C-alpha atoms as a PDB file:
ATOM      1  CA  MET A   1      41.409 -24.637  40.799  1.00  0.00           C
ATOM      2  CA  ASN A   2      43.273 -21.439  41.293  1.00  0.00           C
ATOM      3  CA  ASP A   3      41.757 -18.022  41.866  1.00  0.00           C
ATOM      4  CA  SER A   4      42.271 -16.760  38.302  1.00  0.00           C
ATOM      5  CA  LEU A   5      40.087 -19.572  36.931  1.00  0.00           C
ATOM      6  CA  TYR A   6      37.377 -18.821  39.494  1.00  0.00           C
ATOM      7  CA  THR A   7      37.531 -15.183  38.459  1.00  0.00           C
ATOM      8  CA  PHE A   8      37.354 -16.051  34.763  1.00  0.00           C
ATOM      9  CA  PHE A   9      34.394 -18.404  35.176  1.00  0.00           C
ATOM     10  CA  GLY A  10      32.603 -15.924  37.438  1.00  0.00           C
ATOM     11  CA  ILE A  11      32.928 -13.197  34.816  1.00  0.00           C
ATOM     12  CA  TYR A  12      31.990 -15.660  32.070  1.00  0.00           C
ATOM     13  CA  PHE A  13      28.884 -16.853  33.947  1.00  0.00           C
ATOM     14  CA  LEU A  14      27.604 -13.337  34.688  1.00  0.00           C
ATOM     15  CA  SER A  15      28.248 -12.256  31.095  1.00  0.00           C
ATOM     16  CA  LEU A  16      25.984 -15.052  29.886  1.00  0.00           C
ATOM     17  CA  PHE A  17      23.101 -13.028  31.296  1.00  0.00           C
ATOM     18  CA  LYS A  18      24.294  -9.419  31.069  1.00  0.00           C
ATOM     19  CA  PHE A  19      26.775  -8.371  28.394  1.00  0.00           C
ATOM     20  CA  ILE A  20      28.270  -5.351  30.183  1.00  0.00           C
ATOM     21  CA  ALA A  21      29.370  -7.567  33.082  1.00  0.00           C
ATOM     22  CA  GLY A  22      32.306  -8.843  31.017  1.00  0.00           C
ATOM     23  CA  PRO A  23      34.082  -5.524  30.466  1.00  0.00           C
ATOM     24  CA  VAL A  24      33.213  -4.102  33.889  1.00  0.00           C
ATOM     25  CA  LEU A  25      34.177  -7.150  35.948  1.00  0.00           C
ATOM     26  CA  GLY A  26      37.122  -7.912  33.678  1.00  0.00           C
ATOM     27  CA  SER A  27      38.479  -4.451  34.339  1.00  0.00           C
ATOM     28  CA  ALA A  28      37.943  -4.875  38.060  1.00  0.00           C
ATOM     29  CA  ALA A  29      39.855  -8.169  37.875  1.00  0.00           C
ATOM     30  CA  GLY A  30      42.773  -6.451  36.159  1.00  0.00           C
ATOM     31  CA  TYR A  31      42.237  -7.919  32.701  1.00  0.00           C
ATOM     32  CA  GLN A  32      43.674  -6.271  29.611  1.00  0.00           C
ATOM     33  CA  PRO A  33      41.106  -4.965  27.076  1.00  0.00           C
ATOM     34  CA  TRP A  34      41.671  -7.910  24.721  1.00  0.00           C
ATOM     35  CA  GLN A  35      41.055 -10.317  27.620  1.00  0.00           C
ATOM     36  CA  MET A  36      37.848  -8.489  28.557  1.00  0.00           C
ATOM     37  CA  MET A  37      36.751  -8.739  24.925  1.00  0.00           C
ATOM     38  CA  GLY A  38      37.542 -12.444  24.809  1.00  0.00           C
ATOM     39  CA  VAL A  39      35.542 -13.440  27.862  1.00  0.00           C
ATOM     40  CA  THR A  40      32.640 -11.187  26.871  1.00  0.00           C
ATOM     41  CA  ILE A  41      32.417 -12.498  23.304  1.00  0.00           C
ATOM     42  CA  LEU A  42      32.833 -16.091  24.464  1.00  0.00           C
ATOM     43  CA  SER A  43      30.036 -15.808  27.007  1.00  0.00           C
ATOM     44  CA  MET A  44      27.633 -13.995  24.666  1.00  0.00           C
ATOM     45  CA  MET A  45      28.182 -16.534  21.909  1.00  0.00           C
ATOM     46  CA  SER A  46      27.681 -19.357  24.424  1.00  0.00           C
ATOM     47  CA  SER A  47      24.265 -17.885  25.294  1.00  0.00           C
ATOM     48  CA  VAL A  48      23.466 -17.405  21.630  1.00  0.00           C
ATOM     49  CA  THR A  49      24.389 -21.006  20.814  1.00  0.00           C
ATOM     50  CA  ILE A  50      22.402 -22.500  23.672  1.00  0.00           C
ATOM     51  CA  PHE A  51      19.280 -20.431  23.114  1.00  0.00           C
ATOM     52  CA  THR A  52      19.349 -20.658  19.333  1.00  0.00           C
ATOM     53  CA  PHE A  53      19.044 -24.407  19.572  1.00  0.00           C
ATOM     54  CA  LEU A  54      16.670 -24.398  22.562  1.00  0.00           C
ATOM     55  CA  GLY A  55      14.635 -21.377  21.461  1.00  0.00           C
ATOM     56  CA  ASP A  56      11.933 -23.242  19.549  1.00  0.00           C
ATOM     57  CA  ARG A  57      11.414 -25.678  22.425  1.00  0.00           C
ATOM     58  CA  LEU A  58      11.270 -22.871  24.985  1.00  0.00           C
ATOM     59  CA  LYS A  59       8.788 -20.964  22.817  1.00  0.00           C
ATOM     60  CA  LYS A  60       6.472 -23.988  22.635  1.00  0.00           C
ATOM     61  CA  ILE A  61       6.663 -24.581  26.390  1.00  0.00           C
ATOM     62  CA  TYR A  62       6.069 -20.888  27.096  1.00  0.00           C
ATOM     63  CA  GLN A  63       3.080 -20.673  24.768  1.00  0.00           C
ATOM     64  CA  SER A  64       1.486 -23.825  26.152  1.00  0.00           C
ATOM     65  CA  LYS A  65       1.813 -22.801  29.791  1.00  0.00           C
ATOM     66  CA  ILE A  66       1.821 -19.008  29.924  1.00  0.00           C
ATOM     67  CA  GLY A  67       1.149 -17.677  26.431  1.00  0.00           C
ATOM     68  CA  SER A  68      -2.640 -17.666  26.576  1.00  0.00           C
ATOM     69  CA  LYS A  69      -2.727 -15.873  29.938  1.00  0.00           C
ATOM     70  CA  LYS A  70      -0.292 -13.075  29.099  1.00  0.00           C
ATOM     71  CA  LYS A  71      -1.101  -9.787  27.375  1.00  0.00           C
ATOM     72  CA  LEU A  72       0.038  -9.882  23.769  1.00  0.00           C
ATOM     73  CA  PHE A  73       0.296  -6.158  22.980  1.00  0.00           C
ATOM     74  CA  THR A  74       2.475  -4.726  25.696  1.00  0.00           C
ATOM     75  CA  ARG A  75       4.578  -1.616  25.279  1.00  0.00           C
ATOM     76  CA  ARG A  76       7.748  -3.698  25.260  1.00  0.00           C
ATOM     77  CA  ASN A  77       6.406  -6.031  22.563  1.00  0.00           C
ATOM     78  CA  ARG A  78       5.398  -3.056  20.428  1.00  0.00           C
ATOM     79  CA  ASN A  79       8.899  -1.592  20.764  1.00  0.00           C
ATOM     80  CA  ILE A  80      10.497  -4.890  19.739  1.00  0.00           C
ATOM     81  CA  VAL A  81       8.237  -5.182  16.689  1.00  0.00           C
ATOM     82  CA  SER A  82       8.988  -1.543  15.822  1.00  0.00           C
ATOM     83  CA  VAL A  83      12.754  -2.162  15.906  1.00  0.00           C
ATOM     84  CA  TRP A  84      12.259  -5.364  13.921  1.00  0.00           C
ATOM     85  CA  SER A  85      10.191  -3.645  11.234  1.00  0.00           C
ATOM     86  CA  LYS A  86      12.636  -0.720  10.886  1.00  0.00           C
ATOM     87  CA  TYR A  87      16.000  -2.476  11.189  1.00  0.00           C
ATOM     88  CA  GLY A  88      15.343  -6.210  10.922  1.00  0.00           C
ATOM     89  CA  GLU A  89      17.585  -8.939  12.244  1.00  0.00           C
ATOM     90  CA  LEU A  90      20.675  -6.763  12.192  1.00  0.00           C
ATOM     91  CA  GLY A  91      18.968  -4.109  14.342  1.00  0.00           C
ATOM     92  CA  ILE A  92      17.917  -6.605  16.999  1.00  0.00           C
ATOM     93  CA  ALA A  93      21.417  -8.120  17.052  1.00  0.00           C
ATOM     94  CA  PHE A  94      23.034  -4.685  17.252  1.00  0.00           C
ATOM     95  CA  LEU A  95      20.843  -3.581  20.166  1.00  0.00           C
ATOM     96  CA  THR A  96      21.093  -6.877  22.076  1.00  0.00           C
ATOM     97  CA  PRO A  97      24.225  -6.067  24.135  1.00  0.00           C
ATOM     98  CA  ILE A  98      23.082  -2.592  25.174  1.00  0.00           C
ATOM     99  CA  LEU A  99      19.309  -2.896  25.580  1.00  0.00           C
ATOM    100  CA  LEU A 100      18.575  -6.602  25.785  1.00  0.00           C
ATOM    101  CA  THR A 101      20.393  -9.554  27.245  1.00  0.00           C
ATOM    102  CA  PRO A 102      22.174 -12.076  25.016  1.00  0.00           C
ATOM    103  CA  ILE A 103      19.399 -14.519  25.890  1.00  0.00           C
ATOM    104  CA  GLY A 104      16.614 -12.043  25.155  1.00  0.00           C
ATOM    105  CA  GLY A 105      18.023 -10.935  21.816  1.00  0.00           C
ATOM    106  CA  THR A 106      18.552 -14.517  20.714  1.00  0.00           C
ATOM    107  CA  LEU A 107      15.037 -15.570  21.686  1.00  0.00           C
ATOM    108  CA  ILE A 108      13.584 -12.601  19.790  1.00  0.00           C
ATOM    109  CA  LEU A 109      15.504 -13.563  16.651  1.00  0.00           C
ATOM    110  CA  VAL A 110      14.450 -17.197  17.018  1.00  0.00           C
ATOM    111  CA  SER A 111      10.804 -16.227  17.561  1.00  0.00           C
ATOM    112  CA  PHE A 112      10.829 -14.147  14.359  1.00  0.00           C
ATOM    113  CA  GLY A 113      12.125 -17.180  12.439  1.00  0.00           C
ATOM    114  CA  THR A 114      15.640 -15.979  11.656  1.00  0.00           C
ATOM    115  CA  GLN A 115      17.956 -18.590  10.162  1.00  0.00           C
ATOM    116  CA  LYS A 116      20.440 -19.987  12.685  1.00  0.00           C
ATOM    117  CA  ARG A 117      23.430 -19.072  10.514  1.00  0.00           C
ATOM    118  CA  ARG A 118      22.288 -15.445  10.400  1.00  0.00           C
ATOM    119  CA  ILE A 119      21.700 -15.375  14.165  1.00  0.00           C
ATOM    120  CA  PHE A 120      25.268 -16.544  14.795  1.00  0.00           C
ATOM    121  CA  THR A 121      26.761 -14.148  12.268  1.00  0.00           C
ATOM    122  CA  TYR A 122      24.877 -11.040  13.368  1.00  0.00           C
ATOM    123  CA  MET A 123      25.246 -11.729  17.071  1.00  0.00           C
ATOM    124  CA  PHE A 124      28.973 -12.418  16.683  1.00  0.00           C
ATOM    125  CA  LEU A 125      29.504  -9.137  14.813  1.00  0.00           C
ATOM    126  CA  SER A 126      27.494  -7.292  17.439  1.00  0.00           C
ATOM    127  CA  ALA A 127      29.434  -8.948  20.276  1.00  0.00           C
ATOM    128  CA  VAL A 128      32.800  -8.040  18.731  1.00  0.00           C
ATOM    129  CA  ILE A 129      31.829  -4.415  18.095  1.00  0.00           C
ATOM    130  CA  TRP A 130      30.289  -3.784  21.508  1.00  0.00           C
ATOM    131  CA  ALA A 131      32.911  -5.781  23.442  1.00  0.00           C
ATOM    132  CA  ALA A 132      35.683  -3.757  21.789  1.00  0.00           C
ATOM    133  CA  PHE A 133      33.858  -0.506  22.456  1.00  0.00           C
ATOM    134  CA  PHE A 134      33.135  -1.223  26.110  1.00  0.00           C
ATOM    135  CA  SER A 135      36.480  -2.893  26.903  1.00  0.00           C
ATOM    136  CA  TYR A 136      38.640  -0.167  25.413  1.00  0.00           C
ATOM    137  CA  SER A 137      36.376   2.625  26.728  1.00  0.00           C
ATOM    138  CA  ILE A 138      36.541   1.316  30.276  1.00  0.00           C
ATOM    139  CA  ASP A 139      40.306   0.834  29.983  1.00  0.00           C
ATOM    140  CA  TRP A 140      40.712   4.378  28.646  1.00  0.00           C
ATOM    141  CA  ILE A 141      38.477   5.938  31.314  1.00  0.00           C
ATOM    142  CA  LEU A 142      40.345   4.152  34.093  1.00  0.00           C
ATOM    143  CA  SER A 143      43.679   5.358  32.708  1.00  0.00           C
ATOM    144  CA  ILE A 144      42.752   9.031  33.174  1.00  0.00           C
ATOM    145  CA  PRO A 145      44.914  10.376  36.039  1.00  0.00           C
ATOM    146  CA  ALA A 146      42.008  12.038  37.859  1.00  0.00           C
ATOM    147  CA  ILE A 147      40.025   8.786  37.819  1.00  0.00           C
ATOM    148  CA  LYS A 148      43.079   6.805  38.948  1.00  0.00           C
ATOM    149  CA  ASN A 149      43.528   9.159  41.913  1.00  0.00           C
ATOM    150  CA  LEU A 150      39.843   8.985  42.756  1.00  0.00           C
ATOM    151  CA  LEU A 151      39.847   5.181  42.764  1.00  0.00           C
ATOM    152  CA  GLY A 152      43.085   4.985  44.702  1.00  0.00           C
END
């Protein structure tokens, strides 16, 4: 395999776990904004697909092994329920790229019983919006002459 495929798959793999890795690493690799968007959306939707279909199984395994030993009402859990009660599925999907990971957001939606079709739709819309925002913002920031001079 050539180096550009290694670079692509490296960015893709890291973006499976952290959304912002796609635009940041894509920019560092010299990708155009549309290419950064593509790899970021592809990797987020790969995570969403995998964990939407595995989410119920993972939830059962987690509850049987760890669930009874873990505190139920943590600050983080209260915040998630608060966002869910105020904004619903769309709110969780919208906040997934910036506050959660693609895996975390998907598992939250699955655990609240969201329909798979809605998970895919909302997460795809969120991925497109945030990938465009981050990709074009990073490209714009790096095109500023003072930043270009600073980075060399």
